[in-house]
Amino acid sequence: RKGVETEVFYKWLLPTYDVFDEQRYFEPADTVNYFDFKGVRFGVTICE
């Protein structure tokens, strides 16, 4: 958001099969991903 400190969330499940090879690069998340915005709580997931 403009003028607001950035928040960041990380992917939990890292696929390593078929065309995916994410454990080659990434470390999985270890915290629950959610944020509040304008009175709504959003859960965040990334693909897998």
All heavy atoms as atom14 arrays in JSON, in Angstrom:
{
  "sequence": "RKGVETEVFYKWLLPTYDVFDEQRYFEPADTVNYFDFKGVRFGVTICE",
  "atom14_mask": [
    [1, 1, 1, 1, 1, 1, 1, 1, 1, 1, 1, 0, 0, 0],
    [1, 1, 1, 1, 1, 1, 1, 1, 1, 0, 0, 0, 0, 0],
    [1, 1, 1, 1, 0, 0, 0, 0, 0, 0, 0, 0, 0, 0],
    [1, 1, 1, 1, 1, 1, 1, 0, 0, 0, 0, 0, 0, 0],
    [1, 1, 1, 1, 1, 1, 1, 1, 1, 0, 0, 0, 0, 0],
    [1, 1, 1, 1, 1, 1, 1, 0, 0, 0, 0, 0, 0, 0],
    [1, 1, 1, 1, 1, 1, 1, 1, 1, 0, 0, 0, 0, 0],
    [1, 1, 1, 1, 1, 1, 1, 0, 0, 0, 0, 0, 0, 0],
    [1, 1, 1, 1, 1, 1, 1, 1, 1, 1, 1, 0, 0, 0],
    [1, 1, 1, 1, 1, 1, 1, 1, 1, 1, 1, 1, 0, 0],
    [1, 1, 1, 1, 1, 1, 1, 1, 1, 0, 0, 0, 0, 0],
    [1, 1, 1, 1, 1, 1, 1, 1, 1, 1, 1, 1, 1, 1],
    [1, 1, 1, 1, 1, 1, 1, 1, 0, 0, 0, 0, 0, 0],
    [1, 1, 1, 1, 1, 1, 1, 1, 0, 0, 0, 0, 0, 0],
    [1, 1, 1, 1, 1, 1, 1, 0, 0, 0, 0, 0, 0, 0],
    [1, 1, 1, 1, 1, 1, 1, 0, 0, 0, 0, 0, 0, 0],
    [1, 1, 1, 1, 1, 1, 1, 1, 1, 1, 1, 1, 0, 0],
    [1, 1, 1, 1, 1, 1, 1, 1, 0, 0, 0, 0, 0, 0],
    [1, 1, 1, 1, 1, 1, 1, 0, 0, 0, 0, 0, 0, 0],
    [1, 1, 1, 1, 1, 1, 1, 1, 1, 1, 1, 0, 0, 0],
    [1, 1, 1, 1, 1, 1, 1, 1, 0, 0, 0, 0, 0, 0],
    [1, 1, 1, 1, 1, 1, 1, 1, 1, 0, 0, 0, 0, 0],
    [1, 1, 1, 1, 1, 1, 1, 1, 1, 0, 0, 0, 0, 0],
    [1, 1, 1, 1, 1, 1, 1, 1, 1, 1, 1, 0, 0, 0],
    [1, 1, 1, 1, 1, 1, 1, 1, 1, 1, 1, 1, 0, 0],
    [1, 1, 1, 1, 1, 1, 1, 1, 1, 1, 1, 0, 0, 0],
    [1, 1, 1, 1, 1, 1, 1, 1, 1, 0, 0, 0, 0, 0],
    [1, 1, 1, 1, 1, 1, 1, 0, 0, 0, 0, 0, 0, 0],
    [1, 1, 1, 1, 1, 0, 0, 0, 0, 0, 0, 0, 0, 0],
    [1, 1, 1, 1, 1, 1, 1, 1, 0, 0, 0, 0, 0, 0],
    [1, 1, 1, 1, 1, 1, 1, 0, 0, 0, 0, 0, 0, 0],
    [1, 1, 1, 1, 1, 1, 1, 0, 0, 0, 0, 0, 0, 0],
    [1, 1, 1, 1, 1, 1, 1, 1, 0, 0, 0, 0, 0, 0],
    [1, 1, 1, 1, 1, 1, 1, 1, 1, 1, 1, 1, 0, 0],
    [1, 1, 1, 1, 1, 1, 1, 1, 1, 1, 1, 0, 0, 0],
    [1, 1, 1, 1, 1, 1, 1, 1, 0, 0, 0, 0, 0, 0],
    [1, 1, 1, 1, 1, 1, 1, 1, 1, 1, 1, 0, 0, 0],
    [1, 1, 1, 1, 1, 1, 1, 1, 1, 0, 0, 0, 0, 0],
    [1, 1, 1, 1, 0, 0, 0, 0, 0, 0, 0, 0, 0, 0],
    [1, 1, 1, 1, 1, 1, 1, 0, 0, 0, 0, 0, 0, 0],
    [1, 1, 1, 1, 1, 1, 1, 1, 1, 1, 1, 0, 0, 0],
    [1, 1, 1, 1, 1, 1, 1, 1, 1, 1, 1, 0, 0, 0],
    [1, 1, 1, 1, 0, 0, 0, 0, 0, 0, 0, 0, 0, 0],
    [1, 1, 1, 1, 1, 1, 1, 0, 0, 0, 0, 0, 0, 0],
    [1, 1, 1, 1, 1, 1, 1, 0, 0, 0, 0, 0, 0, 0],
    [1, 1, 1, 1, 1, 1, 1, 1, 0, 0, 0, 0, 0, 0],
    [1, 1, 1, 1, 1, 1, 0, 0, 0, 0, 0, 0, 0, 0],
    [1, 1, 1, 1, 1, 1, 1, 1, 1, 0, 0, 0, 0, 0]
  ],
  "atom14_positions": [
    [[0.86, -1.19, 0.0], [0.0, 0.0, 0.0], [0.89, 1.24, 0.0], [1.97, 1.23, 0.59], [-0.91, 0.01, 1.24], [-2.02, -1.01, 1.19], [-2.73, -1.14, 2.53], [-1.92, -1.93, 3.47], [-2.29, -2.22, 4.71], [-3.46, -1.76, 5.16], [-1.52, -2.95, 5.5], [0.0, 0.0, 0.0], [0.0, 0.0, 0.0], [0.0, 0.0, 0.0]],
    [[0.43, 2.27, -0.62], [1.2, 3.51, -0.67], [1.27, 4.13, 0.71], [0.25, 4.33, 1.38], [0.56, 4.49, -1.66], [1.41, 5.71, -1.96], [0.84, 6.49, -3.12], [1.8, 7.57, -3.57], [1.31, 8.26, -4.79], [0.0, 0.0, 0.0], [0.0, 0.0, 0.0], [0.0, 0.0, 0.0], [0.0, 0.0, 0.0], [0.0, 0.0, 0.0]],
    [[2.5, 4.4, 1.17], [2.69, 5.08, 2.44], [2.46, 4.21, 3.65], [2.43, 4.72, 4.78], [0.0, 0.0, 0.0], [0.0, 0.0, 0.0], [0.0, 0.0, 0.0], [0.0, 0.0, 0.0], [0.0, 0.0, 0.0], [0.0, 0.0, 0.0], [0.0, 0.0, 0.0], [0.0, 0.0, 0.0], [0.0, 0.0, 0.0], [0.0, 0.0, 0.0]],
    [[2.31, 2.9, 3.45], [2.09, 1.97, 4.57], [3.18, 0.91, 4.53], [3.55, 0.42, 3.45], [0.7, 1.3, 4.49], [0.5, 0.32, 5.63], [-0.4, 2.37, 4.5], [0.0, 0.0, 0.0], [0.0, 0.0, 0.0], [0.0, 0.0, 0.0], [0.0, 0.0, 0.0], [0.0, 0.0, 0.0], [0.0, 0.0, 0.0], [0.0, 0.0, 0.0]],
    [[3.69, 0.52, 5.68], [4.74, -0.49, 5.73], [4.25, -1.8, 5.1], [3.15, -2.27, 5.39], [5.17, -0.75, 7.17], [6.35, -1.7, 7.29], [6.82, -1.87, 8.72], [6.36, -1.12, 9.59], [7.66, -2.76, 8.94], [0.0, 0.0, 0.0], [0.0, 0.0, 0.0], [0.0, 0.0, 0.0], [0.0, 0.0, 0.0], [0.0, 0.0, 0.0]],
    [[5.08, -2.36, 4.26], [4.72, -3.58, 3.54], [4.71, -4.79, 4.46], [5.59, -4.95, 5.31], [5.71, -3.81, 2.39], [5.68, -2.69, 1.51], [5.37, -5.07, 1.63], [0.0, 0.0, 0.0], [0.0, 0.0, 0.0], [0.0, 0.0, 0.0], [0.0, 0.0, 0.0], [0.0, 0.0, 0.0], [0.0, 0.0, 0.0], [0.0, 0.0, 0.0]],
    [[3.7, -5.64, 4.29], [3.66, -6.92, 4.98], [4.01, -8.03, 3.98], [3.8, -7.87, 2.77], [2.27, -7.18, 5.56], [1.82, -6.2, 6.62], [0.43, -6.51, 7.13], [0.22, -7.64, 7.64], [-0.45, -5.63, 7.01], [0.0, 0.0, 0.0], [0.0, 0.0, 0.0], [0.0, 0.0, 0.0], [0.0, 0.0, 0.0], [0.0, 0.0, 0.0]],
    [[4.5, -9.16, 4.49], [4.88, -10.24, 3.59], [4.45, -11.58, 4.19], [4.49, -11.79, 5.4], [6.4, -10.24, 3.31], [7.22, -10.49, 4.57], [6.77, -11.23, 2.2], [0.0, 0.0, 0.0], [0.0, 0.0, 0.0], [0.0, 0.0, 0.0], [0.0, 0.0, 0.0], [0.0, 0.0, 0.0], [0.0, 0.0, 0.0], [0.0, 0.0, 0.0]],
    [[4.01, -12.48, 3.3], [3.55, -13.81, 3.69], [4.27, -14.83, 2.81], [4.56, -14.55, 1.64], [2.03, -13.92, 3.5], [1.27, -12.76, 4.08], [0.88, -11.7, 3.26], [0.97, -12.71, 5.42], [0.2, -10.61, 3.77], [0.28, -11.62, 5.96], [-0.1, -10.57, 5.14], [0.0, 0.0, 0.0], [0.0, 0.0, 0.0], [0.0, 0.0, 0.0]],
    [[4.52, -16.0, 3.37], [5.33, -16.99, 2.66], [4.54, -18.26, 2.37], [3.63, -18.64, 3.1], [6.57, -17.33, 3.47], [7.46, -16.14, 3.75], [7.95, -15.91, 5.04], [7.8, -15.24, 2.74], [8.77, -14.81, 5.31], [8.61, -14.15, 3.0], [9.08, -13.93, 4.28], [9.89, -12.84, 4.54], [0.0, 0.0, 0.0], [0.0, 0.0, 0.0]],
    [[4.96, -18.92, 1.3], [4.31, -20.16, 0.86], [4.67, -21.31, 1.79], [5.83, -21.49, 2.17], [4.76, -20.47, -0.58], [4.05, -21.64, -1.25], [4.46, -21.72, -2.72], [3.73, -22.83, -3.45], [4.06, -22.85, -4.89], [0.0, 0.0, 0.0], [0.0, 0.0, 0.0], [0.0, 0.0, 0.0], [0.0, 0.0, 0.0], [0.0, 0.0, 0.0]],
    [[3.68, -22.11, 2.12], [3.87, -23.25, 3.01], [4.34, -24.51, 2.27], [5.31, -25.15, 2.69], [2.54, -23.58, 3.71], [2.27, -22.78, 4.94], [2.0, -21.45, 5.01], [2.23, -23.27, 6.28], [1.8, -21.06, 6.31], [1.92, -22.17, 7.12], [2.39, -24.52, 6.87], [1.79, -22.3, 8.5], [2.26, -24.65, 8.24], [1.97, -23.55, 9.04]],
    [[3.62, -24.89, 1.25], [3.85, -26.18, 0.6], [4.61, -25.97, -0.71], [4.13, -25.27, -1.62], [2.51, -26.87, 0.33], [1.61, -27.04, 1.57], [0.32, -27.76, 1.2], [2.34, -27.78, 2.69], [0.0, 0.0, 0.0], [0.0, 0.0, 0.0], [0.0, 0.0, 0.0], [0.0, 0.0, 0.0], [0.0, 0.0, 0.0], [0.0, 0.0, 0.0]],
    [[5.78, -26.56, -0.8], [6.68, -26.33, -1.93], [6.74, -27.58, -2.8], [7.35, -28.59, -2.44], [8.08, -25.99, -1.41], [8.15, -24.77, -0.47], [9.57, -24.6, 0.06], [7.68, -23.51, -1.18], [0.0, 0.0, 0.0], [0.0, 0.0, 0.0], [0.0, 0.0, 0.0], [0.0, 0.0, 0.0], [0.0, 0.0, 0.0], [0.0, 0.0, 0.0]],
    [[6.12, -27.54, -3.96], [6.06, -28.73, -4.81], [7.4, -29.08, -5.43], [8.15, -28.2, -5.88], [5.03, -28.35, -5.88], [5.12, -26.86, -5.96], [5.41, -26.4, -4.56], [0.0, 0.0, 0.0], [0.0, 0.0, 0.0], [0.0, 0.0, 0.0], [0.0, 0.0, 0.0], [0.0, 0.0, 0.0], [0.0, 0.0, 0.0], [0.0, 0.0, 0.0]],
    [[7.68, -30.36, -5.46], [8.86, -30.88, -6.14], [8.44, -32.15, -6.87], [8.7, -33.27, -6.43], [10.01, -31.16, -5.15], [10.31, -29.94, -4.45], [11.27, -31.6, -5.87], [0.0, 0.0, 0.0], [0.0, 0.0, 0.0], [0.0, 0.0, 0.0], [0.0, 0.0, 0.0], [0.0, 0.0, 0.0], [0.0, 0.0, 0.0], [0.0, 0.0, 0.0]],
    [[7.73, -31.95, -7.96], [7.27, -33.05, -8.81], [6.93, -32.46, -10.17], [6.75, -31.25, -10.31], [6.06, -33.77, -8.22], [4.85, -32.89, -7.98], [3.91, -32.68, -8.99], [4.64, -32.26, -6.76], [2.8, -31.88, -8.78], [3.54, -31.45, -6.55], [2.62, -31.27, -7.55], [1.54, -30.47, -7.34], [0.0, 0.0, 0.0], [0.0, 0.0, 0.0]],
    [[6.89, -33.3, -11.17], [6.61, -32.88, -12.54], [7.47, -31.66, -12.89], [8.69, -31.72, -12.8], [5.12, -32.63, -12.74], [4.76, -32.5, -14.22], [5.34, -33.23, -15.04], [3.9, -31.67, -14.57], [0.0, 0.0, 0.0], [0.0, 0.0, 0.0], [0.0, 0.0, 0.0], [0.0, 0.0, 0.0], [0.0, 0.0, 0.0], [0.0, 0.0, 0.0]],
    [[6.87, -30.53, -13.26], [7.65, -29.36, -13.7], [8.09, -28.48, -12.54], [8.78, -27.48, -12.74], [6.84, -28.5, -14.7], [6.5, -29.32, -15.93], [5.57, -27.94, -14.06], [0.0, 0.0, 0.0], [0.0, 0.0, 0.0], [0.0, 0.0, 0.0], [0.0, 0.0, 0.0], [0.0, 0.0, 0.0], [0.0, 0.0, 0.0], [0.0, 0.0, 0.0]],
    [[7.7, -28.84, -11.32], [7.98, -28.0, -10.15], [9.23, -28.48, -9.43], [9.45, -29.68, -9.27], [6.8, -28.03, -9.18], [5.48, -27.7, -9.83], [4.53, -28.69, -10.04], [5.2, -26.42, -10.25], [3.32, -28.39, -10.64], [3.99, -26.1, -10.85], [3.05, -27.11, -11.04], [0.0, 0.0, 0.0], [0.0, 0.0, 0.0], [0.0, 0.0, 0.0]],
    [[10.02, -27.51, -8.93], [11.25, -27.84, -8.22], [11.54, -26.78, -7.17], [12.64, -26.27, -7.05], [12.42, -27.93, -9.22], [13.58, -28.74, -8.68], [13.44, -29.34, -7.59], [14.63, -28.78, -9.34], [0.0, 0.0, 0.0], [0.0, 0.0, 0.0], [0.0, 0.0, 0.0], [0.0, 0.0, 0.0], [0.0, 0.0, 0.0], [0.0, 0.0, 0.0]],
    [[10.52, -26.45, -6.38], [10.62, -25.28, -5.51], [11.5, -25.52, -4.28], [12.03, -24.57, -3.71], [9.22, -24.82, -5.09], [8.43, -24.28, -6.28], [7.22, -23.49, -5.86], [7.2, -22.95, -4.74], [6.27, -23.42, -6.67], [0.0, 0.0, 0.0], [0.0, 0.0, 0.0], [0.0, 0.0, 0.0], [0.0, 0.0, 0.0], [0.0, 0.0, 0.0]],
    [[11.65, -26.77, -3.86], [12.53, -27.02, -2.72], [14.0, -26.82, -3.08], [14.86, -26.82, -2.2], [12.28, -28.42, -2.17], [10.91, -28.58, -1.54], [10.67, -29.96, -0.97], [11.59, -30.6, -0.46], [9.45, -30.44, -1.07], [0.0, 0.0, 0.0], [0.0, 0.0, 0.0], [0.0, 0.0, 0.0], [0.0, 0.0, 0.0], [0.0, 0.0, 0.0]],
    [[14.28, -26.62, -4.32], [15.63, -26.28, -4.77], [16.01, -24.87, -4.32], [17.2, -24.57, -4.13], [15.69, -26.38, -6.3], [17.01, -26.04, -6.97], [16.82, -26.17, -8.47], [17.99, -25.81, -9.24], [18.94, -26.65, -9.66], [18.86, -27.93, -9.33], [19.96, -26.24, -10.39], [0.0, 0.0, 0.0], [0.0, 0.0, 0.0], [0.0, 0.0, 0.0]],
    [[14.99, -23.99, -4.15], [15.26, -22.59, -3.89], [14.68, -22.07, -2.57], [15.3, -21.24, -1.91], [14.67, -21.72, -5.01], [14.92, -22.24, -6.4], [13.91, -22.9, -7.11], [16.16, -22.08, -7.02], [14.14, -23.38, -8.4], [16.39, -22.56, -8.3], [15.37, -23.21, -8.99], [15.6, -23.69, -10.25], [0.0, 0.0, 0.0], [0.0, 0.0, 0.0]],
    [[13.47, -22.53, -2.24], [12.7, -21.86, -1.21], [12.66, -22.62, 0.11], [12.73, -23.85, 0.14], [11.26, -21.65, -1.68], [11.12, -20.78, -2.9], [10.53, -21.26, -4.06], [11.59, -19.48, -2.89], [10.39, -20.48, -5.18], [11.46, -18.68, -4.01], [10.87, -19.18, -5.16], [0.0, 0.0, 0.0], [0.0, 0.0, 0.0], [0.0, 0.0, 0.0]],
    [[12.49, -21.85, 1.18], [12.22, -22.39, 2.51], [10.73, -22.18, 2.79], [10.17, -21.12, 2.5], [13.07, -21.65, 3.56], [13.02, -22.26, 4.94], [13.68, -23.63, 5.03], [14.39, -24.04, 4.07], [13.49, -24.29, 6.06], [0.0, 0.0, 0.0], [0.0, 0.0, 0.0], [0.0, 0.0, 0.0], [0.0, 0.0, 0.0], [0.0, 0.0, 0.0]],
    [[10.06, -23.19, 3.34], [8.61, -23.06, 3.56], [8.28, -22.13, 4.72], [9.11, -21.86, 5.59], [8.17, -24.49, 3.86], [9.39, -25.15, 4.43], [10.55, -24.53, 3.71], [0.0, 0.0, 0.0], [0.0, 0.0, 0.0], [0.0, 0.0, 0.0], [0.0, 0.0, 0.0], [0.0, 0.0, 0.0], [0.0, 0.0, 0.0], [0.0, 0.0, 0.0]],
    [[7.04, -21.66, 4.72], [6.55, -20.8, 5.79], [6.4, -21.58, 7.09], [6.23, -22.8, 7.09], [5.2, -20.2, 5.39], [0.0, 0.0, 0.0], [0.0, 0.0, 0.0], [0.0, 0.0, 0.0], [0.0, 0.0, 0.0], [0.0, 0.0, 0.0], [0.0, 0.0, 0.0], [0.0, 0.0, 0.0], [0.0, 0.0, 0.0], [0.0, 0.0, 0.0]],
    [[6.43, -20.84, 8.2], [6.21, -21.47, 9.5], [5.27, -20.63, 10.36], [5.15, -20.84, 11.56], [7.54, -21.7, 10.24], [8.38, -20.43, 10.33], [7.86, -19.34, 10.01], [9.56, -20.54, 10.7], [0.0, 0.0, 0.0], [0.0, 0.0, 0.0], [0.0, 0.0, 0.0], [0.0, 0.0, 0.0], [0.0, 0.0, 0.0], [0.0, 0.0, 0.0]],
    [[4.59, -19.65, 9.74], [3.59, -18.84, 10.45], [2.3, -18.83, 9.64], [2.31, -19.03, 8.42], [4.07, -17.4, 10.65], [4.39, -16.83, 9.37], [5.31, -17.36, 11.54], [0.0, 0.0, 0.0], [0.0, 0.0, 0.0], [0.0, 0.0, 0.0], [0.0, 0.0, 0.0], [0.0, 0.0, 0.0], [0.0, 0.0, 0.0], [0.0, 0.0, 0.0]],
    [[1.2, -18.56, 10.31], [-0.11, -18.53, 9.66], [-0.24, -17.22, 8.88], [0.08, -16.14, 9.38], [-1.24, -18.66, 10.69], [-2.6, -18.66, 9.99], [-1.07, -19.92, 11.51], [0.0, 0.0, 0.0], [0.0, 0.0, 0.0], [0.0, 0.0, 0.0], [0.0, 0.0, 0.0], [0.0, 0.0, 0.0], [0.0, 0.0, 0.0], [0.0, 0.0, 0.0]],
    [[-0.73, -17.31, 7.65], [-0.78, -16.16, 6.75], [-2.17, -15.55, 6.7], [-3.11, -16.15, 6.16], [-0.37, -16.57, 5.34], [1.08, -17.0, 5.24], [1.93, -16.48, 5.96], [1.39, -17.92, 4.34], [0.0, 0.0, 0.0], [0.0, 0.0, 0.0], [0.0, 0.0, 0.0], [0.0, 0.0, 0.0], [0.0, 0.0, 0.0], [0.0, 0.0, 0.0]],
    [[-2.33, -14.35, 7.25], [-3.59, -13.62, 7.15], [-3.32, -12.14, 7.41], [-2.29, -11.77, 7.99], [-4.62, -14.16, 8.14], [-4.28, -13.94, 9.59], [-4.76, -12.82, 10.27], [-3.46, -14.84, 10.28], [-4.44, -12.6, 11.6], [-3.14, -14.63, 11.61], [-3.63, -13.5, 12.26], [-3.3, -13.29, 13.58], [0.0, 0.0, 0.0], [0.0, 0.0, 0.0]],
    [[-4.27, -11.32, 6.96], [-4.17, -9.89, 7.24], [-5.58, -9.3, 7.3], [-6.53, -9.86, 6.74], [-3.33, -9.16, 6.18], [-3.93, -9.14, 4.8], [-4.75, -8.1, 4.38], [-3.66, -10.17, 3.9], [-5.29, -8.07, 3.11], [-4.2, -10.15, 2.61], [-5.02, -9.11, 2.22], [0.0, 0.0, 0.0], [0.0, 0.0, 0.0], [0.0, 0.0, 0.0]],
    [[-5.69, -8.18, 7.99], [-6.95, -7.46, 8.11], [-6.92, -6.21, 7.23], [-5.93, -5.47, 7.24], [-7.21, -7.05, 9.56], [-7.35, -8.25, 10.48], [-7.93, -9.26, 10.04], [-6.86, -8.19, 11.63], [0.0, 0.0, 0.0], [0.0, 0.0, 0.0], [0.0, 0.0, 0.0], [0.0, 0.0, 0.0], [0.0, 0.0, 0.0], [0.0, 0.0, 0.0]],
    [[-7.98, -6.01, 6.47], [-8.05, -4.83, 5.6], [-9.5, -4.39, 5.5], [-10.37, -5.15, 5.06], [-7.48, -5.18, 4.22], [-7.45, -4.02, 3.27], [-6.7, -2.89, 3.52], [-8.18, -4.06, 2.08], [-6.66, -1.82, 2.63], [-8.15, -3.01, 1.18], [-7.39, -1.89, 1.46], [0.0, 0.0, 0.0], [0.0, 0.0, 0.0], [0.0, 0.0, 0.0]],
    [[-9.75, -3.17, 5.96], [-11.07, -2.55, 5.89], [-12.16, -3.45, 6.49], [-13.24, -3.64, 5.93], [-11.4, -2.17, 4.45], [-10.4, -1.15, 3.9], [-10.89, -0.42, 2.68], [-9.9, 0.7, 2.32], [-10.31, 1.51, 1.19], [0.0, 0.0, 0.0], [0.0, 0.0, 0.0], [0.0, 0.0, 0.0], [0.0, 0.0, 0.0], [0.0, 0.0, 0.0]],
    [[-11.83, -4.02, 7.66], [-12.81, -4.79, 8.4], [-12.98, -6.22, 7.97], [-13.85, -6.93, 8.5], [0.0, 0.0, 0.0], [0.0, 0.0, 0.0], [0.0, 0.0, 0.0], [0.0, 0.0, 0.0], [0.0, 0.0, 0.0], [0.0, 0.0, 0.0], [0.0, 0.0, 0.0], [0.0, 0.0, 0.0], [0.0, 0.0, 0.0], [0.0, 0.0, 0.0]],
    [[-12.16, -6.67, 7.04], [-12.25, -8.05, 6.55], [-10.92, -8.75, 6.83], [-9.84, -8.18, 6.6], [-12.56, -8.1, 5.04], [-12.65, -9.55, 4.56], [-13.87, -7.36, 4.74], [0.0, 0.0, 0.0], [0.0, 0.0, 0.0], [0.0, 0.0, 0.0], [0.0, 0.0, 0.0], [0.0, 0.0, 0.0], [0.0, 0.0, 0.0], [0.0, 0.0, 0.0]],
    [[-10.99, -10.0, 7.3], [-9.77, -10.78, 7.52], [-9.57, -11.73, 6.33], [-10.42, -12.58, 6.05], [-9.85, -11.56, 8.83], [-8.63, -12.45, 9.09], [-8.46, -12.78, 10.55], [-8.06, -11.59, 11.32], [-7.75, -11.63, 12.61], [-7.8, -12.78, 13.28], [-7.4, -10.52, 13.24], [0.0, 0.0, 0.0], [0.0, 0.0, 0.0], [0.0, 0.0, 0.0]],
    [[-8.44, -11.59, 5.67], [-8.12, -12.38, 4.49], [-7.06, -13.42, 4.83], [-6.0, -13.08, 5.36], [-7.6, -11.48, 3.37], [-8.63, -10.54, 2.8], [-8.75, -9.25, 3.29], [-9.47, -10.95, 1.79], [-9.69, -8.37, 2.78], [-10.42, -10.08, 1.26], [-10.54, -8.79, 1.76], [0.0, 0.0, 0.0], [0.0, 0.0, 0.0], [0.0, 0.0, 0.0]],
    [[-7.33, -14.67, 4.51], [-6.31, -15.71, 4.59], [-5.53, -15.75, 3.28], [-6.1, -15.57, 2.2], [0.0, 0.0, 0.0], [0.0, 0.0, 0.0], [0.0, 0.0, 0.0], [0.0, 0.0, 0.0], [0.0, 0.0, 0.0], [0.0, 0.0, 0.0], [0.0, 0.0, 0.0], [0.0, 0.0, 0.0], [0.0, 0.0, 0.0], [0.0, 0.0, 0.0]],
    [[-4.23, -15.97, 3.37], [-3.37, -15.93, 2.19], [-2.76, -17.31, 1.96], [-2.12, -17.89, 2.85], [-2.24, -14.9, 2.36], [-1.33, -14.88, 1.14], [-2.83, -13.51, 2.61], [0.0, 0.0, 0.0], [0.0, 0.0, 0.0], [0.0, 0.0, 0.0], [0.0, 0.0, 0.0], [0.0, 0.0, 0.0], [0.0, 0.0, 0.0], [0.0, 0.0, 0.0]],
    [[-2.95, -17.83, 0.76], [-2.29, -19.07, 0.34], [-1.65, -18.82, -1.01], [-2.08, -17.95, -1.78], [-3.29, -20.24, 0.23], [-4.33, -19.89, -0.71], [-3.89, -20.57, 1.58], [0.0, 0.0, 0.0], [0.0, 0.0, 0.0], [0.0, 0.0, 0.0], [0.0, 0.0, 0.0], [0.0, 0.0, 0.0], [0.0, 0.0, 0.0], [0.0, 0.0, 0.0]],
    [[-0.62, -19.59, -1.31], [0.08, -19.47, -2.58], [0.06, -20.82, -3.28], [0.63, -21.8, -2.8], [1.53, -18.99, -2.37], [1.54, -17.63, -1.65], [2.25, -18.89, -3.71], [2.93, -17.11, -1.32], [0.0, 0.0, 0.0], [0.0, 0.0, 0.0], [0.0, 0.0, 0.0], [0.0, 0.0, 0.0], [0.0, 0.0, 0.0], [0.0, 0.0, 0.0]],
    [[-0.66, -20.89, -4.37], [-0.75, -22.04, -5.28], [-0.9, -23.37, -4.55], [-1.96, -23.72, -4.07], [0.44, -22.04, -6.24], [0.1, -22.95, -7.77], [0.0, 0.0, 0.0], [0.0, 0.0, 0.0], [0.0, 0.0, 0.0], [0.0, 0.0, 0.0], [0.0, 0.0, 0.0], [0.0, 0.0, 0.0], [0.0, 0.0, 0.0], [0.0, 0.0, 0.0]],
    [[0.19, -24.1, -4.39], [0.17, -25.46, -3.83], [-0.43, -25.52, -2.43], [-0.89, -26.59, -2.01], [1.6, -26.01, -3.8], [1.72, -27.5, -3.47], [1.48, -28.41, -4.66], [1.09, -27.88, -5.73], [1.67, -29.63, -4.53], [0.0, 0.0, 0.0], [0.0, 0.0, 0.0], [0.0, 0.0, 0.0], [0.0, 0.0, 0.0], [0.0, 0.0, 0.0]]
  ]
}
